[in-house]
Amino acid sequence: MPLRSLFATQIYTARLGPARAAALNGQLQRESLQLRRDDRAGRAWSRHNYPGGYTSYNSLCQLQRISPSFARLERVLDRHVTRFARALELDLRGRKLAMTDCWVNIMQRQVVHGLHLHPLATISGTYYVRTPPGCAGLKFEDPRLERYMAAPPRKARARMPNRAWVTLPAIAGQLVLFESWLRHEVPLNPAPGERVSVSFNYSWF
């Protein structure tokens, strides 16, 4: 058909090899659970802002600078961020994208992470450490949604590029990268067990 796809919203996903992911995730999970035990300020902030869950976002948000395990994750992510930036054809003018923030999220059953974006960052993402069967995925919103006005709804089985919302499943050992302006959320987590992930931002300024 004589169609052109313009203003594409691109999402990058990749999975670590099973052996590599198992070794890295084992260490990241131990440290994440230890962080929750030790981080009194983070638990207090989470009670008011992340009910039922724990995040180090407001207390320990540069884990790559204080933990060898998270620094190791940073080195893995750097290569993927470089590939994604190249695919986006970003003109970085000789500067390098660098990780500015890195924090832990632990979601229990019935926990939700509301719709948001990541201001003052260039590329953001999530790396999955532990994902119980049936746990919530990462849901993205079409950035044009507020301009649809009188547009009819999309078909229930519309192709992914034509949907207003797309949810990518959470899979341990997988990373997801997206431009930081793209709004996203984690819907209510229906699964028992704890969903553990690491979120991060990269910037070039």
N, C-alpha and C. Protein backbone atom coordinates (compact mmCIF):
# COMPACT_ATOMS: atom_id res chain seq x y z
N MET A 1 0.84 -1.20 0.00
CA MET A 1 0.00 0.00 0.00
C MET A 1 0.88 1.25 0.00
N PRO A 2 0.39 2.35 -0.56
CA PRO A 2 1.21 3.58 -0.64
C PRO A 2 1.22 4.34 0.69
N LEU A 3 1.76 3.72 1.72
CA LEU A 3 1.81 4.32 3.04
C LEU A 3 3.24 4.65 3.42
N ARG A 4 3.40 5.72 4.20
CA ARG A 4 4.69 6.05 4.77
C ARG A 4 4.54 6.11 6.29
N SER A 5 5.50 5.57 6.99
CA SER A 5 5.50 5.63 8.45
C SER A 5 6.38 6.80 8.88
N LEU A 6 5.77 7.83 9.44
CA LEU A 6 6.48 9.04 9.85
C LEU A 6 6.45 9.20 11.37
N PHE A 7 7.45 9.87 11.90
CA PHE A 7 7.51 10.18 13.33
C PHE A 7 7.40 8.93 14.19
N ALA A 8 8.17 7.93 13.82
CA ALA A 8 8.11 6.64 14.52
C ALA A 8 8.61 6.77 15.95
N THR A 9 7.97 6.05 16.86
CA THR A 9 8.41 5.95 18.25
C THR A 9 9.11 4.60 18.40
N GLN A 10 10.39 4.64 18.63
CA GLN A 10 11.17 3.40 18.64
C GLN A 10 11.49 2.95 20.07
N ILE A 11 11.35 1.65 20.28
CA ILE A 11 11.67 1.01 21.55
C ILE A 11 12.73 -0.06 21.28
N TYR A 12 13.75 -0.10 22.13
CA TYR A 12 14.84 -1.06 21.96
C TYR A 12 14.73 -2.11 23.05
N THR A 13 14.76 -3.38 22.67
CA THR A 13 14.77 -4.47 23.66
C THR A 13 15.89 -5.44 23.31
N ALA A 14 16.49 -6.01 24.34
CA ALA A 14 17.55 -7.01 24.15
C ALA A 14 17.59 -7.88 25.40
N ARG A 15 18.07 -9.12 25.22
CA ARG A 15 18.19 -10.04 26.34
C ARG A 15 19.63 -10.47 26.50
N LEU A 16 20.07 -10.54 27.74
CA LEU A 16 21.40 -11.07 28.02
C LEU A 16 21.36 -12.59 27.86
N GLY A 17 22.51 -13.18 27.57
CA GLY A 17 22.59 -14.63 27.50
C GLY A 17 22.20 -15.24 28.83
N PRO A 18 21.61 -16.43 28.84
CA PRO A 18 21.10 -17.04 30.08
C PRO A 18 22.13 -17.14 31.19
N ALA A 19 23.33 -17.59 30.88
CA ALA A 19 24.35 -17.74 31.93
C ALA A 19 24.77 -16.39 32.48
N ARG A 20 24.96 -15.43 31.59
CA ARG A 20 25.36 -14.09 32.02
C ARG A 20 24.27 -13.43 32.85
N ALA A 21 23.03 -13.56 32.40
CA ALA A 21 21.91 -12.95 33.14
C ALA A 21 21.75 -13.59 34.51
N ALA A 22 21.89 -14.90 34.60
CA ALA A 22 21.72 -15.59 35.88
C ALA A 22 22.75 -15.12 36.90
N ALA A 23 24.00 -15.00 36.47
CA ALA A 23 25.05 -14.57 37.39
C ALA A 23 24.84 -13.13 37.83
N LEU A 24 24.55 -12.24 36.88
CA LEU A 24 24.36 -10.83 37.21
C LEU A 24 23.10 -10.62 38.04
N ASN A 25 22.02 -11.28 37.65
CA ASN A 25 20.76 -11.08 38.36
C ASN A 25 20.79 -11.61 39.78
N GLY A 26 21.52 -12.69 39.99
CA GLY A 26 21.64 -13.20 41.35
C GLY A 26 22.25 -12.18 42.28
N GLN A 27 23.31 -11.53 41.83
CA GLN A 27 23.96 -10.51 42.65
C GLN A 27 23.09 -9.27 42.78
N LEU A 28 22.47 -8.83 41.68
CA LEU A 28 21.62 -7.64 41.74
C LEU A 28 20.42 -7.87 42.66
N GLN A 29 19.86 -9.06 42.64
CA GLN A 29 18.71 -9.32 43.51
C GLN A 29 19.12 -9.30 44.98
N ARG A 30 20.25 -9.92 45.30
CA ARG A 30 20.71 -9.90 46.70
C ARG A 30 20.93 -8.46 47.17
N GLU A 31 21.57 -7.66 46.35
CA GLU A 31 21.84 -6.28 46.74
C GLU A 31 20.56 -5.45 46.81
N SER A 32 19.62 -5.72 45.92
CA SER A 32 18.36 -4.98 45.94
C SER A 32 17.58 -5.24 47.22
N LEU A 33 17.51 -6.50 47.62
CA LEU A 33 16.80 -6.84 48.85
C LEU A 33 17.52 -6.28 50.07
N GLN A 34 18.85 -6.28 50.02
CA GLN A 34 19.60 -5.69 51.12
C GLN A 34 19.39 -4.18 51.19
N LEU A 35 19.32 -3.54 50.04
CA LEU A 35 19.04 -2.11 50.00
C LEU A 35 17.71 -1.80 50.68
N ARG A 36 16.71 -2.59 50.36
CA ARG A 36 15.40 -2.34 50.98
C ARG A 36 15.48 -2.47 52.50
N ARG A 37 16.25 -3.42 52.99
CA ARG A 37 16.38 -3.58 54.45
C ARG A 37 17.11 -2.39 55.08
N ASP A 38 18.13 -1.88 54.38
CA ASP A 38 18.98 -0.85 54.96
C ASP A 38 18.51 0.57 54.71
N ASP A 39 17.75 0.77 53.67
CA ASP A 39 17.40 2.12 53.21
C ASP A 39 16.14 2.64 53.91
N ARG A 40 16.32 3.15 55.10
CA ARG A 40 15.17 3.63 55.88
C ARG A 40 14.49 4.81 55.18
N ALA A 41 15.28 5.72 54.64
CA ALA A 41 14.71 6.88 53.95
C ALA A 41 13.92 6.45 52.72
N GLY A 42 14.46 5.47 51.98
CA GLY A 42 13.76 4.98 50.80
C GLY A 42 12.44 4.29 51.15
N ARG A 43 12.44 3.53 52.23
CA ARG A 43 11.19 2.87 52.64
C ARG A 43 10.15 3.90 53.06
N ALA A 44 10.58 4.93 53.75
CA ALA A 44 9.65 5.98 54.18
C ALA A 44 9.07 6.71 52.97
N TRP A 45 9.91 7.04 51.99
CA TRP A 45 9.43 7.73 50.80
C TRP A 45 8.48 6.84 50.02
N SER A 46 8.81 5.55 49.94
CA SER A 46 7.98 4.62 49.18
C SER A 46 6.60 4.45 49.80
N ARG A 47 6.52 4.49 51.14
CA ARG A 47 5.22 4.34 51.79
C ARG A 47 4.23 5.39 51.30
N HIS A 48 4.71 6.59 51.01
CA HIS A 48 3.83 7.69 50.58
C HIS A 48 3.71 7.80 49.07
N ASN A 49 4.72 7.38 48.34
CA ASN A 49 4.76 7.61 46.90
C ASN A 49 4.71 6.35 46.04
N TYR A 50 4.89 5.19 46.67
CA TYR A 50 4.93 3.92 45.94
C TYR A 50 4.30 2.86 46.85
N PRO A 51 3.03 3.05 47.23
CA PRO A 51 2.39 2.22 48.26
C PRO A 51 2.48 0.73 47.96
N GLY A 52 2.98 -0.03 48.94
CA GLY A 52 3.09 -1.47 48.81
C GLY A 52 4.39 -1.93 48.18
N GLY A 53 5.15 -1.01 47.62
CA GLY A 53 6.41 -1.37 46.97
C GLY A 53 7.58 -0.64 47.59
N TYR A 54 8.74 -0.85 47.01
CA TYR A 54 9.95 -0.15 47.45
C TYR A 54 10.71 0.33 46.22
N THR A 55 11.19 1.57 46.28
CA THR A 55 12.07 2.11 45.27
C THR A 55 13.15 2.95 45.94
N SER A 56 14.35 2.88 45.40
CA SER A 56 15.44 3.72 45.93
C SER A 56 15.57 5.02 45.14
N TYR A 57 14.56 5.34 44.34
CA TYR A 57 14.60 6.50 43.45
C TYR A 57 14.91 7.80 44.18
N ASN A 58 14.32 7.99 45.33
CA ASN A 58 14.48 9.26 46.04
C ASN A 58 15.58 9.23 47.10
N SER A 59 16.26 8.11 47.26
CA SER A 59 17.25 7.99 48.34
C SER A 59 18.61 7.55 47.82
N LEU A 60 18.64 6.49 47.03
CA LEU A 60 19.88 5.96 46.47
C LEU A 60 19.67 5.77 44.97
N CYS A 61 19.89 6.83 44.22
CA CYS A 61 19.52 6.82 42.80
C CYS A 61 20.74 6.87 41.87
N GLN A 62 21.93 6.64 42.42
CA GLN A 62 23.14 6.53 41.59
C GLN A 62 23.92 5.28 42.01
N LEU A 63 23.23 4.16 41.95
CA LEU A 63 23.81 2.91 42.45
C LEU A 63 25.03 2.48 41.65
N GLN A 64 25.13 2.90 40.41
CA GLN A 64 26.29 2.54 39.59
C GLN A 64 27.58 3.14 40.14
N ARG A 65 27.48 4.13 41.02
CA ARG A 65 28.67 4.78 41.58
C ARG A 65 29.11 4.19 42.91
N ILE A 66 28.24 3.37 43.51
CA ILE A 66 28.57 2.86 44.84
C ILE A 66 28.60 1.34 44.91
N SER A 67 28.17 0.67 43.84
CA SER A 67 28.11 -0.79 43.87
C SER A 67 28.81 -1.37 42.64
N PRO A 68 29.78 -2.28 42.82
CA PRO A 68 30.42 -2.92 41.68
C PRO A 68 29.42 -3.70 40.80
N SER A 69 28.38 -4.25 41.41
CA SER A 69 27.40 -5.01 40.63
C SER A 69 26.60 -4.09 39.71
N PHE A 70 26.20 -2.95 40.22
CA PHE A 70 25.45 -2.01 39.39
C PHE A 70 26.38 -1.32 38.39
N ALA A 71 27.65 -1.15 38.73
CA ALA A 71 28.62 -0.63 37.77
C ALA A 71 28.82 -1.63 36.63
N ARG A 72 28.78 -2.90 36.96
CA ARG A 72 28.88 -3.94 35.93
C ARG A 72 27.67 -3.88 35.00
N LEU A 73 26.49 -3.70 35.58
CA LEU A 73 25.28 -3.54 34.76
C LEU A 73 25.42 -2.31 33.86
N GLU A 74 25.95 -1.23 34.39
CA GLU A 74 26.14 -0.02 33.59
C GLU A 74 26.99 -0.31 32.35
N ARG A 75 28.05 -1.07 32.51
CA ARG A 75 28.92 -1.38 31.37
C ARG A 75 28.16 -2.19 30.31
N VAL A 76 27.31 -3.08 30.75
CA VAL A 76 26.49 -3.85 29.82
C VAL A 76 25.52 -2.92 29.08
N LEU A 77 24.89 -2.04 29.84
CA LEU A 77 23.89 -1.15 29.25
C LEU A 77 24.51 -0.14 28.30
N ASP A 78 25.72 0.31 28.60
CA ASP A 78 26.37 1.32 27.76
C ASP A 78 26.39 0.91 26.30
N ARG A 79 26.71 -0.33 26.05
CA ARG A 79 26.82 -0.80 24.66
C ARG A 79 25.46 -0.75 23.96
N HIS A 80 24.41 -1.12 24.69
CA HIS A 80 23.08 -1.11 24.10
C HIS A 80 22.57 0.32 23.89
N VAL A 81 22.86 1.20 24.81
CA VAL A 81 22.46 2.60 24.65
C VAL A 81 23.14 3.21 23.44
N THR A 82 24.41 2.88 23.23
CA THR A 82 25.13 3.37 22.05
C THR A 82 24.45 2.89 20.76
N ARG A 83 24.06 1.63 20.73
CA ARG A 83 23.38 1.09 19.54
C ARG A 83 22.03 1.77 19.32
N PHE A 84 21.30 1.98 20.39
CA PHE A 84 19.99 2.62 20.28
C PHE A 84 20.14 4.06 19.79
N ALA A 85 21.09 4.80 20.34
CA ALA A 85 21.32 6.18 19.92
C ALA A 85 21.69 6.24 18.44
N ARG A 86 22.47 5.26 17.99
CA ARG A 86 22.85 5.20 16.58
C ARG A 86 21.62 4.94 15.71
N ALA A 87 20.74 4.04 16.17
CA ALA A 87 19.52 3.75 15.41
C ALA A 87 18.60 4.96 15.34
N LEU A 88 18.58 5.76 16.40
CA LEU A 88 17.76 6.97 16.43
C LEU A 88 18.38 8.11 15.63
N GLU A 89 19.62 7.93 15.21
CA GLU A 89 20.38 8.95 14.47
C GLU A 89 20.49 10.25 15.27
N LEU A 90 20.77 10.11 16.55
CA LEU A 90 20.96 11.28 17.41
C LEU A 90 22.28 11.97 17.07
N ASP A 91 22.24 13.27 16.97
CA ASP A 91 23.44 14.07 16.74
C ASP A 91 23.97 14.51 18.11
N LEU A 92 24.88 13.75 18.66
CA LEU A 92 25.40 14.02 20.00
C LEU A 92 26.57 15.01 19.98
N ARG A 93 26.99 15.43 18.80
CA ARG A 93 28.03 16.45 18.63
C ARG A 93 29.30 16.14 19.43
N GLY A 94 29.74 14.91 19.30
CA GLY A 94 30.99 14.51 19.91
C GLY A 94 30.92 14.19 21.39
N ARG A 95 29.77 14.38 22.00
CA ARG A 95 29.63 14.05 23.42
C ARG A 95 29.05 12.64 23.57
N LYS A 96 29.25 12.06 24.74
CA LYS A 96 28.84 10.70 24.98
C LYS A 96 27.65 10.66 25.94
N LEU A 97 26.70 9.80 25.63
CA LEU A 97 25.61 9.57 26.58
C LEU A 97 26.17 8.86 27.80
N ALA A 98 25.83 9.34 28.98
CA ALA A 98 26.35 8.76 30.22
C ALA A 98 25.20 8.51 31.19
N MET A 99 25.32 7.42 31.95
CA MET A 99 24.31 7.10 32.95
C MET A 99 24.37 8.14 34.08
N THR A 100 23.25 8.78 34.33
CA THR A 100 23.17 9.77 35.40
C THR A 100 22.45 9.24 36.63
N ASP A 101 21.50 8.33 36.43
CA ASP A 101 20.69 7.81 37.53
C ASP A 101 20.49 6.31 37.35
N CYS A 102 20.42 5.61 38.47
CA CYS A 102 20.21 4.15 38.45
C CYS A 102 19.63 3.76 39.80
N TRP A 103 18.43 3.19 39.81
CA TRP A 103 17.77 2.88 41.07
C TRP A 103 16.99 1.56 40.98
N VAL A 104 16.63 1.04 42.12
CA VAL A 104 15.96 -0.26 42.24
C VAL A 104 14.46 -0.06 42.47
N ASN A 105 13.66 -0.95 41.90
CA ASN A 105 12.21 -1.00 42.15
C ASN A 105 11.83 -2.42 42.53
N ILE A 106 11.09 -2.56 43.61
CA ILE A 106 10.57 -3.87 44.03
C ILE A 106 9.06 -3.75 44.15
N MET A 107 8.35 -4.47 43.28
CA MET A 107 6.89 -4.43 43.26
C MET A 107 6.33 -5.74 43.81
N GLN A 108 5.46 -5.62 44.78
CA GLN A 108 4.73 -6.78 45.26
C GLN A 108 3.37 -6.82 44.55
N ARG A 109 2.59 -7.80 44.88
CA ARG A 109 1.26 -7.93 44.28
C ARG A 109 0.40 -6.70 44.61
N GLN A 110 -0.37 -6.25 43.62
CA GLN A 110 -1.30 -5.13 43.73
C GLN A 110 -0.61 -3.76 43.70
N VAL A 111 0.70 -3.73 43.50
CA VAL A 111 1.41 -2.46 43.42
C VAL A 111 1.33 -1.94 41.99
N VAL A 112 1.24 -0.62 41.83
CA VAL A 112 1.16 0.01 40.52
C VAL A 112 2.15 1.17 40.46
N HIS A 113 2.67 1.43 39.29
CA HIS A 113 3.55 2.59 39.08
C HIS A 113 2.89 3.44 38.01
N GLY A 114 2.36 4.59 38.42
CA GLY A 114 1.52 5.41 37.55
C GLY A 114 2.24 5.99 36.35
N LEU A 115 1.44 6.53 35.43
CA LEU A 115 1.91 7.09 34.17
C LEU A 115 2.86 8.26 34.43
N HIS A 116 4.03 8.24 33.75
CA HIS A 116 5.04 9.27 33.97
C HIS A 116 6.04 9.28 32.82
N LEU A 117 6.91 10.27 32.82
CA LEU A 117 8.04 10.31 31.91
C LEU A 117 9.27 10.70 32.74
N HIS A 118 10.43 10.84 32.08
CA HIS A 118 11.68 11.12 32.80
C HIS A 118 12.26 12.45 32.33
N PRO A 119 11.89 13.56 32.97
CA PRO A 119 12.38 14.87 32.55
C PRO A 119 13.91 14.97 32.67
N LEU A 120 14.49 15.80 31.84
CA LEU A 120 15.92 16.13 31.88
C LEU A 120 16.83 14.94 31.57
N ALA A 121 16.28 13.91 30.96
CA ALA A 121 17.08 12.77 30.53
C ALA A 121 16.89 12.59 29.02
N THR A 122 17.77 11.82 28.41
CA THR A 122 17.72 11.59 26.97
C THR A 122 17.17 10.20 26.65
N ILE A 123 17.77 9.19 27.22
CA ILE A 123 17.32 7.80 27.05
C ILE A 123 17.13 7.19 28.43
N SER A 124 16.01 6.54 28.62
CA SER A 124 15.70 5.88 29.88
C SER A 124 15.44 4.40 29.62
N GLY A 125 15.38 3.63 30.68
CA GLY A 125 15.13 2.22 30.47
C GLY A 125 14.97 1.44 31.75
N THR A 126 14.73 0.16 31.57
CA THR A 126 14.54 -0.77 32.67
C THR A 126 15.29 -2.07 32.35
N TYR A 127 15.88 -2.64 33.38
CA TYR A 127 16.47 -3.97 33.27
C TYR A 127 15.79 -4.86 34.30
N TYR A 128 15.33 -6.03 33.87
CA TYR A 128 14.56 -6.91 34.75
C TYR A 128 15.45 -7.92 35.45
N VAL A 129 15.37 -7.92 36.76
CA VAL A 129 16.17 -8.81 37.60
C VAL A 129 15.37 -10.05 37.98
N ARG A 130 14.15 -9.87 38.42
CA ARG A 130 13.29 -10.99 38.82
C ARG A 130 11.87 -10.71 38.36
N THR A 131 11.27 -11.66 37.65
CA THR A 131 9.93 -11.45 37.10
C THR A 131 9.07 -12.69 37.35
N PRO A 132 8.30 -12.71 38.43
CA PRO A 132 7.41 -13.86 38.69
C PRO A 132 6.45 -14.07 37.52
N PRO A 133 6.05 -15.29 37.25
CA PRO A 133 5.11 -15.56 36.15
C PRO A 133 3.85 -14.70 36.27
N GLY A 134 3.48 -14.08 35.17
CA GLY A 134 2.27 -13.28 35.14
C GLY A 134 2.40 -11.88 35.70
N CYS A 135 3.61 -11.45 36.01
CA CYS A 135 3.77 -10.12 36.60
C CYS A 135 3.52 -9.04 35.55
N ALA A 136 3.30 -7.82 36.01
CA ALA A 136 2.96 -6.70 35.13
C ALA A 136 4.12 -6.36 34.21
N GLY A 137 3.79 -5.97 32.99
CA GLY A 137 4.78 -5.53 32.02
C GLY A 137 4.93 -4.02 32.03
N LEU A 138 5.60 -3.50 31.02
CA LEU A 138 5.82 -2.06 30.88
C LEU A 138 4.91 -1.54 29.77
N LYS A 139 4.04 -0.60 30.13
CA LYS A 139 3.00 -0.12 29.21
C LYS A 139 3.37 1.26 28.69
N PHE A 140 3.39 1.41 27.36
CA PHE A 140 3.73 2.67 26.72
C PHE A 140 2.49 3.32 26.12
N GLU A 141 2.47 4.65 26.14
CA GLU A 141 1.36 5.43 25.61
C GLU A 141 1.77 6.09 24.29
N ASP A 142 0.89 6.02 23.31
CA ASP A 142 1.11 6.74 22.05
C ASP A 142 1.23 8.24 22.37
N PRO A 143 2.36 8.88 22.04
CA PRO A 143 2.54 10.29 22.40
C PRO A 143 1.58 11.24 21.68
N ARG A 144 0.85 10.73 20.66
CA ARG A 144 -0.12 11.57 19.95
C ARG A 144 -1.52 11.48 20.54
N LEU A 145 -1.68 10.73 21.59
CA LEU A 145 -3.01 10.36 22.08
C LEU A 145 -3.88 11.58 22.35
N GLU A 146 -3.32 12.64 22.93
CA GLU A 146 -4.11 13.81 23.29
C GLU A 146 -4.60 14.59 22.06
N ARG A 147 -4.10 14.25 20.87
CA ARG A 147 -4.49 14.95 19.65
C ARG A 147 -5.44 14.12 18.78
N TYR A 148 -5.88 13.00 19.25
CA TYR A 148 -6.72 12.13 18.43
C TYR A 148 -8.09 12.75 18.15
N MET A 149 -8.59 13.54 19.07
CA MET A 149 -9.87 14.23 18.93
C MET A 149 -10.99 13.28 18.51
N ALA A 150 -11.48 13.39 17.26
CA ALA A 150 -12.64 12.60 16.84
C ALA A 150 -12.27 11.27 16.20
N ALA A 151 -11.06 10.79 16.43
CA ALA A 151 -10.63 9.54 15.82
C ALA A 151 -11.39 8.35 16.39
N PRO A 152 -11.84 7.42 15.55
CA PRO A 152 -12.49 6.20 16.07
C PRO A 152 -11.49 5.37 16.86
N PRO A 153 -11.99 4.48 17.70
CA PRO A 153 -11.06 3.59 18.42
C PRO A 153 -10.39 2.62 17.46
N ARG A 154 -9.24 2.09 17.89
CA ARG A 154 -8.54 1.11 17.07
C ARG A 154 -9.18 -0.26 17.25
N LYS A 155 -9.02 -1.09 16.25
CA LYS A 155 -9.54 -2.45 16.34
C LYS A 155 -8.87 -3.20 17.48
N ALA A 156 -9.58 -4.12 18.07
CA ALA A 156 -9.05 -4.87 19.21
C ALA A 156 -7.77 -5.61 18.85
N ARG A 157 -7.65 -6.04 17.62
CA ARG A 157 -6.46 -6.79 17.18
C ARG A 157 -5.60 -5.96 16.23
N ALA A 158 -5.61 -4.66 16.41
CA ALA A 158 -4.79 -3.79 15.57
C ALA A 158 -3.31 -4.15 15.70
N ARG A 159 -2.56 -3.94 14.62
CA ARG A 159 -1.13 -4.20 14.67
C ARG A 159 -0.48 -3.28 15.69
N MET A 160 0.60 -3.73 16.29
CA MET A 160 1.25 -2.99 17.37
C MET A 160 1.54 -1.53 17.01
N PRO A 161 2.04 -1.22 15.79
CA PRO A 161 2.32 0.19 15.49
C PRO A 161 1.08 1.09 15.49
N ASN A 162 -0.11 0.51 15.38
CA ASN A 162 -1.34 1.30 15.31
C ASN A 162 -2.10 1.39 16.63
N ARG A 163 -1.59 0.78 17.67
CA ARG A 163 -2.29 0.80 18.96
C ARG A 163 -2.00 2.08 19.72
N ALA A 164 -2.94 2.48 20.56
CA ALA A 164 -2.74 3.65 21.40
C ALA A 164 -1.92 3.31 22.65
N TRP A 165 -1.99 2.05 23.07
CA TRP A 165 -1.22 1.56 24.22
C TRP A 165 -0.57 0.23 23.84
N VAL A 166 0.66 0.06 24.24
CA VAL A 166 1.35 -1.20 24.01
C VAL A 166 2.05 -1.61 25.30
N THR A 167 1.85 -2.86 25.71
CA THR A 167 2.50 -3.38 26.92
C THR A 167 3.52 -4.44 26.52
N LEU A 168 4.76 -4.23 26.93
CA LEU A 168 5.81 -5.21 26.70
C LEU A 168 5.97 -6.06 27.96
N PRO A 169 6.01 -7.37 27.84
CA PRO A 169 6.11 -8.23 29.02
C PRO A 169 7.45 -8.04 29.73
N ALA A 170 7.44 -8.21 31.03
CA ALA A 170 8.66 -8.15 31.85
C ALA A 170 9.30 -9.53 31.86
N ILE A 171 10.56 -9.60 31.43
CA ILE A 171 11.27 -10.86 31.32
C ILE A 171 12.64 -10.71 31.98
N ALA A 172 12.94 -11.54 32.96
CA ALA A 172 14.23 -11.46 33.65
C ALA A 172 15.37 -11.59 32.64
N GLY A 173 16.36 -10.71 32.79
CA GLY A 173 17.49 -10.73 31.88
C GLY A 173 17.31 -9.85 30.65
N GLN A 174 16.15 -9.21 30.54
CA GLN A 174 15.87 -8.36 29.38
C GLN A 174 15.97 -6.89 29.77
N LEU A 175 16.44 -6.08 28.83
CA LEU A 175 16.46 -4.64 29.03
C LEU A 175 15.57 -3.98 27.99
N VAL A 176 15.00 -2.85 28.37
CA VAL A 176 14.14 -2.06 27.49
C VAL A 176 14.64 -0.63 27.53
N LEU A 177 14.85 -0.04 26.35
CA LEU A 177 15.30 1.35 26.24
C LEU A 177 14.28 2.15 25.45
N PHE A 178 14.10 3.41 25.84
CA PHE A 178 13.17 4.30 25.14
C PHE A 178 13.61 5.74 25.37
N GLU A 179 13.15 6.63 24.50
CA GLU A 179 13.46 8.04 24.70
C GLU A 179 12.69 8.55 25.91
N SER A 180 13.34 9.41 26.68
CA SER A 180 12.83 9.75 28.01
C SER A 180 11.53 10.55 28.00
N TRP A 181 11.18 11.14 26.87
CA TRP A 181 9.93 11.90 26.79
C TRP A 181 8.70 11.00 26.65
N LEU A 182 8.90 9.72 26.40
CA LEU A 182 7.78 8.81 26.15
C LEU A 182 7.12 8.40 27.47
N ARG A 183 5.83 8.68 27.57
CA ARG A 183 5.13 8.34 28.82
C ARG A 183 4.90 6.83 28.90
N HIS A 184 4.98 6.33 30.15
CA HIS A 184 4.87 4.89 30.37
C HIS A 184 4.42 4.64 31.80
N GLU A 185 4.01 3.42 32.07
CA GLU A 185 3.57 3.04 33.41
C GLU A 185 3.73 1.54 33.59
N VAL A 186 3.63 1.11 34.83
CA VAL A 186 3.54 -0.32 35.13
C VAL A 186 2.15 -0.53 35.74
N PRO A 187 1.25 -1.21 35.04
CA PRO A 187 -0.09 -1.43 35.58
C PRO A 187 -0.05 -2.25 36.86
N LEU A 188 -1.20 -2.35 37.48
CA LEU A 188 -1.31 -3.12 38.72
C LEU A 188 -0.72 -4.51 38.53
N ASN A 189 0.17 -4.87 39.43
CA ASN A 189 0.87 -6.15 39.33
C ASN A 189 -0.02 -7.26 39.90
N PRO A 190 -0.47 -8.21 39.08
CA PRO A 190 -1.39 -9.24 39.56
C PRO A 190 -0.71 -10.46 40.15
N ALA A 191 0.62 -10.56 40.01
CA ALA A 191 1.31 -11.80 40.34
C ALA A 191 1.81 -11.83 41.79
N PRO A 192 1.72 -12.97 42.45
CA PRO A 192 2.38 -13.11 43.75
C PRO A 192 3.89 -13.14 43.56
N GLY A 193 4.60 -12.87 44.61
CA GLY A 193 6.05 -12.80 44.49
C GLY A 193 6.48 -11.40 44.14
N GLU A 194 7.76 -11.13 44.25
CA GLU A 194 8.27 -9.78 44.07
C GLU A 194 8.91 -9.60 42.69
N ARG A 195 8.49 -8.58 42.01
CA ARG A 195 9.02 -8.18 40.70
C ARG A 195 10.14 -7.17 40.96
N VAL A 196 11.36 -7.52 40.59
CA VAL A 196 12.52 -6.68 40.87
C VAL A 196 13.10 -6.15 39.56
N SER A 197 13.27 -4.84 39.48
CA SER A 197 13.83 -4.24 38.28
C SER A 197 14.76 -3.10 38.64
N VAL A 198 15.59 -2.73 37.68
CA VAL A 198 16.50 -1.59 37.83
C VAL A 198 16.14 -0.59 36.75
N SER A 199 15.84 0.63 37.13
CA SER A 199 15.55 1.70 36.18
C SER A 199 16.74 2.64 36.10
N PHE A 200 16.85 3.35 34.98
CA PHE A 200 18.04 4.20 34.79
C PHE A 200 17.76 5.27 33.75
N ASN A 201 18.58 6.33 33.80
CA ASN A 201 18.55 7.41 32.84
C ASN A 201 19.94 7.63 32.27
N TYR A 202 20.00 7.99 31.00
CA TYR A 202 21.23 8.44 30.34
C TYR A 202 20.99 9.85 29.81
N SER A 203 22.02 10.67 29.92
CA SER A 203 21.92 12.03 29.41
C SER A 203 23.22 12.40 28.70
N TRP A 204 23.18 13.47 27.90
CA TRP A 204 24.36 13.89 27.14
C TRP A 204 24.79 15.31 27.48
N PHE A 205 24.15 15.93 28.49
CA PHE A 205 24.55 17.30 28.85
C PHE A 205 25.21 17.33 30.21
